[in-house]
Amino acid sequence: MSPILITVARILVVVLFVVSGAGKVMNPGGVGAAVAGKGLPYPQVLAYLAIAAELGLGLLIALGFYARAAALLLAVFTAATIVLFHDFWHMTGDALRQNQIHAMKNLSIIGGLLMICAAGPGRLAINQR
């Protein structure tokens, strides 16, 4: 497969995380409030971990630097967001539909991340581990 195509695909898989993480950097208090709203402990700590996961791991994958490990960690993080934030099985009406869509989208993204984890970042990467 084309090294350019693999690189473009690797970057496209994480665009959502990098943009979302950058937005969270501008409002960590709001992220903490959302985490607290779910009843999770240490909301500010978890907010900064979410920022680090989205922005930090997303950038590592985009650059192809320890992309396999970063993709696995980001897949675990994304699975946790399904369980903790998009728990549509506890919802009804519009909330159910919206969160089910987000959960299915996240499952698709997890699939892409696991492909990066399995196949590696391709030849056009900072390292190919």
C-alpha atoms as a PDB file:
ATOM      1  CA  MET A   1       0.000   0.000   0.000  1.00  0.00           C
ATOM      2  CA  SER A   2       1.127   3.525  -0.652  1.00  0.00           C
ATOM      3  CA  PRO A   3       3.118   5.078   2.211  1.00  0.00           C
ATOM      4  CA  ILE A   4       1.394   8.395   1.518  1.00  0.00           C
ATOM      5  CA  LEU A   5      -2.055   6.812   1.782  1.00  0.00           C
ATOM      6  CA  ILE A   6      -1.147   5.145   5.084  1.00  0.00           C
ATOM      7  CA  THR A   7       0.163   8.447   6.441  1.00  0.00           C
ATOM      8  CA  VAL A   8      -2.952  10.351   5.383  1.00  0.00           C
ATOM      9  CA  ALA A   9      -5.175   7.655   6.920  1.00  0.00           C
ATOM     10  CA  ARG A  10      -3.184   7.700  10.188  1.00  0.00           C
ATOM     11  CA  ILE A  11      -3.586  11.474  10.431  1.00  0.00           C
ATOM     12  CA  LEU A  12      -7.288  11.428   9.543  1.00  0.00           C
ATOM     13  CA  VAL A  13      -8.031   8.881  12.269  1.00  0.00           C
ATOM     14  CA  VAL A  14      -6.767  11.307  14.929  1.00  0.00           C
ATOM     15  CA  VAL A  15      -7.874  14.712  13.590  1.00  0.00           C
ATOM     16  CA  LEU A  16     -10.969  14.575  15.794  1.00  0.00           C
ATOM     17  CA  PHE A  17      -8.869  13.940  18.913  1.00  0.00           C
ATOM     18  CA  VAL A  18      -6.307  16.654  18.217  1.00  0.00           C
ATOM     19  CA  VAL A  19      -8.953  19.293  17.497  1.00  0.00           C
ATOM     20  CA  SER A  20     -11.052  18.249  20.483  1.00  0.00           C
ATOM     21  CA  GLY A  21      -8.022  18.150  22.790  1.00  0.00           C
ATOM     22  CA  ALA A  22      -6.922  21.606  21.639  1.00  0.00           C
ATOM     23  CA  GLY A  23     -10.405  22.920  22.404  1.00  0.00           C
ATOM     24  CA  LYS A  24     -10.300  21.345  25.852  1.00  0.00           C
ATOM     25  CA  VAL A  25      -6.980  23.090  26.571  1.00  0.00           C
ATOM     26  CA  MET A  26      -8.856  26.379  26.276  1.00  0.00           C
ATOM     27  CA  ASN A  27     -11.492  25.323  28.839  1.00  0.00           C
ATOM     28  CA  PRO A  28     -10.220  22.683  31.274  1.00  0.00           C
ATOM     29  CA  GLY A  29     -12.706  23.895  33.888  1.00  0.00           C
ATOM     30  CA  GLY A  30     -15.587  23.078  31.570  1.00  0.00           C
ATOM     31  CA  VAL A  31     -14.152  19.623  30.954  1.00  0.00           C
ATOM     32  CA  GLY A  32     -13.829  19.136  34.711  1.00  0.00           C
ATOM     33  CA  ALA A  33     -17.451  20.191  35.177  1.00  0.00           C
ATOM     34  CA  ALA A  34     -18.569  17.653  32.552  1.00  0.00           C
ATOM     35  CA  VAL A  35     -16.569  14.933  34.305  1.00  0.00           C
ATOM     36  CA  ALA A  36     -18.006  15.959  37.686  1.00  0.00           C
ATOM     37  CA  GLY A  37     -21.485  15.867  36.161  1.00  0.00           C
ATOM     38  CA  LYS A  38     -20.993  12.155  35.543  1.00  0.00           C
ATOM     39  CA  GLY A  39     -20.171  11.628  39.214  1.00  0.00           C
ATOM     40  CA  LEU A  40     -16.555  10.649  38.597  1.00  0.00           C
ATOM     41  CA  PRO A  41     -13.912  11.341  41.254  1.00  0.00           C
ATOM     42  CA  TYR A  42     -11.130  13.900  40.826  1.00  0.00           C
ATOM     43  CA  PRO A  43     -12.795  15.728  37.929  1.00  0.00           C
ATOM     44  CA  GLN A  44      -9.961  18.220  37.339  1.00  0.00           C
ATOM     45  CA  VAL A  45      -7.333  15.473  37.277  1.00  0.00           C
ATOM     46  CA  LEU A  46      -9.454  13.455  34.853  1.00  0.00           C
ATOM     47  CA  ALA A  47     -10.003  16.572  32.739  1.00  0.00           C
ATOM     48  CA  TYR A  48      -6.260  17.051  32.306  1.00  0.00           C
ATOM     49  CA  LEU A  49      -5.810  13.339  31.600  1.00  0.00           C
ATOM     50  CA  ALA A  50      -8.477  13.601  28.892  1.00  0.00           C
ATOM     51  CA  ILE A  51      -6.661  16.585  27.379  1.00  0.00           C
ATOM     52  CA  ALA A  52      -3.365  14.687  27.471  1.00  0.00           C
ATOM     53  CA  ALA A  53      -4.978  11.625  25.917  1.00  0.00           C
ATOM     54  CA  GLU A  54      -6.712  13.453  23.089  1.00  0.00           C
ATOM     55  CA  LEU A  55      -4.066  16.014  22.252  1.00  0.00           C
ATOM     56  CA  GLY A  56      -0.906  14.187  23.285  1.00  0.00           C
ATOM     57  CA  LEU A  57      -1.694  10.704  22.022  1.00  0.00           C
ATOM     58  CA  GLY A  58      -3.374  12.128  18.931  1.00  0.00           C
ATOM     59  CA  LEU A  59      -0.240  14.081  18.024  1.00  0.00           C
ATOM     60  CA  LEU A  60       2.005  11.065  18.663  1.00  0.00           C
ATOM     61  CA  ILE A  61      -0.089   9.016  16.257  1.00  0.00           C
ATOM     62  CA  ALA A  62      -0.224  11.786  13.654  1.00  0.00           C
ATOM     63  CA  LEU A  63       3.567  12.104  13.754  1.00  0.00           C
ATOM     64  CA  GLY A  64       4.096   8.364  13.821  1.00  0.00           C
ATOM     65  CA  PHE A  65       6.088   8.499  17.061  1.00  0.00           C
ATOM     66  CA  TYR A  66       5.355   5.412  19.167  1.00  0.00           C
ATOM     67  CA  ALA A  67       2.141   5.249  17.198  1.00  0.00           C
ATOM     68  CA  ARG A  68       1.331   1.631  18.063  1.00  0.00           C
ATOM     69  CA  ALA A  69       1.401   2.230  21.814  1.00  0.00           C
ATOM     70  CA  ALA A  70      -0.343   5.593  21.482  1.00  0.00           C
ATOM     71  CA  ALA A  71      -3.075   4.049  19.322  1.00  0.00           C
ATOM     72  CA  LEU A  72      -3.695   1.306  21.866  1.00  0.00           C
ATOM     73  CA  LEU A  73      -3.901   3.812  24.734  1.00  0.00           C
ATOM     74  CA  LEU A  74      -6.203   6.088  22.733  1.00  0.00           C
ATOM     75  CA  ALA A  75      -8.425   3.099  21.871  1.00  0.00           C
ATOM     76  CA  VAL A  76      -8.762   2.294  25.586  1.00  0.00           C
ATOM     77  CA  PHE A  77      -9.518   5.952  26.350  1.00  0.00           C
ATOM     78  CA  THR A  78     -12.151   6.027  23.592  1.00  0.00           C
ATOM     79  CA  ALA A  79     -13.774   2.831  24.877  1.00  0.00           C
ATOM     80  CA  ALA A  80     -13.956   4.406  28.333  1.00  0.00           C
ATOM     81  CA  THR A  81     -15.768   7.430  26.904  1.00  0.00           C
ATOM     82  CA  ILE A  82     -18.426   5.123  25.476  1.00  0.00           C
ATOM     83  CA  VAL A  83     -19.041   3.532  28.872  1.00  0.00           C
ATOM     84  CA  LEU A  84     -18.797   6.722  30.941  1.00  0.00           C
ATOM     85  CA  PHE A  85     -20.203   9.454  28.681  1.00  0.00           C
ATOM     86  CA  HIS A  86     -22.214   7.848  25.871  1.00  0.00           C
ATOM     87  CA  ASP A  87     -24.058   5.246  27.943  1.00  0.00           C
ATOM     88  CA  PHE A  88     -27.122   5.337  25.696  1.00  0.00           C
ATOM     89  CA  TRP A  89     -28.442   2.107  27.235  1.00  0.00           C
ATOM     90  CA  HIS A  90     -29.480   4.223  30.247  1.00  0.00           C
ATOM     91  CA  MET A  91     -31.192   6.906  28.147  1.00  0.00           C
ATOM     92  CA  THR A  92     -34.410   7.536  26.273  1.00  0.00           C
ATOM     93  CA  GLY A  93     -35.610   9.716  23.406  1.00  0.00           C
ATOM     94  CA  ASP A  94     -33.222  12.101  21.669  1.00  0.00           C
ATOM     95  CA  ALA A  95     -30.479  11.547  24.250  1.00  0.00           C
ATOM     96  CA  LEU A  96     -30.541   7.822  23.460  1.00  0.00           C
ATOM     97  CA  ARG A  97     -30.287   8.395  19.716  1.00  0.00           C
ATOM     98  CA  GLN A  98     -27.561  11.043  19.951  1.00  0.00           C
ATOM     99  CA  ASN A  99     -25.411   9.052  22.360  1.00  0.00           C
ATOM    100  CA  GLN A 100     -25.895   5.826  20.436  1.00  0.00           C
ATOM    101  CA  ILE A 101     -24.558   7.588  17.341  1.00  0.00           C
ATOM    102  CA  HIS A 102     -21.560   8.887  19.324  1.00  0.00           C
ATOM    103  CA  ALA A 103     -20.924   5.413  20.747  1.00  0.00           C
ATOM    104  CA  MET A 104     -21.031   3.787  17.307  1.00  0.00           C
ATOM    105  CA  LYS A 105     -18.765   6.509  15.895  1.00  0.00           C
ATOM    106  CA  ASN A 106     -16.324   5.844  18.711  1.00  0.00           C
ATOM    107  CA  LEU A 107     -16.419   2.106  18.010  1.00  0.00           C
ATOM    108  CA  SER A 108     -15.493   2.835  14.396  1.00  0.00           C
ATOM    109  CA  ILE A 109     -12.636   5.054  15.526  1.00  0.00           C
ATOM    110  CA  ILE A 110     -11.451   2.316  17.894  1.00  0.00           C
ATOM    111  CA  GLY A 111     -11.312   0.019  14.863  1.00  0.00           C
ATOM    112  CA  GLY A 112      -9.041   2.468  13.053  1.00  0.00           C
ATOM    113  CA  LEU A 113      -6.840   2.875  16.113  1.00  0.00           C
ATOM    114  CA  LEU A 114      -6.500  -0.881  16.508  1.00  0.00           C
ATOM    115  CA  MET A 115      -5.486  -1.132  12.837  1.00  0.00           C
ATOM    116  CA  ILE A 116      -2.698   1.384  13.511  1.00  0.00           C
ATOM    117  CA  CYS A 117      -1.714  -0.611  16.585  1.00  0.00           C
ATOM    118  CA  ALA A 118      -1.574  -3.843  14.581  1.00  0.00           C
ATOM    119  CA  ALA A 119      -0.042  -2.590  11.326  1.00  0.00           C
ATOM    120  CA  GLY A 120       2.140   0.226  12.616  1.00  0.00           C
ATOM    121  CA  PRO A 121       2.410   3.821  11.425  1.00  0.00           C
ATOM    122  CA  GLY A 122       3.837   3.076   7.980  1.00  0.00           C
ATOM    123  CA  ARG A 123       7.127   4.140   6.439  1.00  0.00           C
ATOM    124  CA  LEU A 124       6.476   7.890   6.663  1.00  0.00           C
ATOM    125  CA  ALA A 125       6.679   8.126  10.442  1.00  0.00           C
ATOM    126  CA  ILE A 126       9.152   9.485  12.971  1.00  0.00           C
ATOM    127  CA  ASN A 127       9.711   5.921  14.119  1.00  0.00           C
ATOM    128  CA  GLN A 128       8.226   2.699  12.876  1.00  0.00           C
ATOM    129  CA  ARG A 129       7.738   0.846  16.163  1.00  0.00           C
END
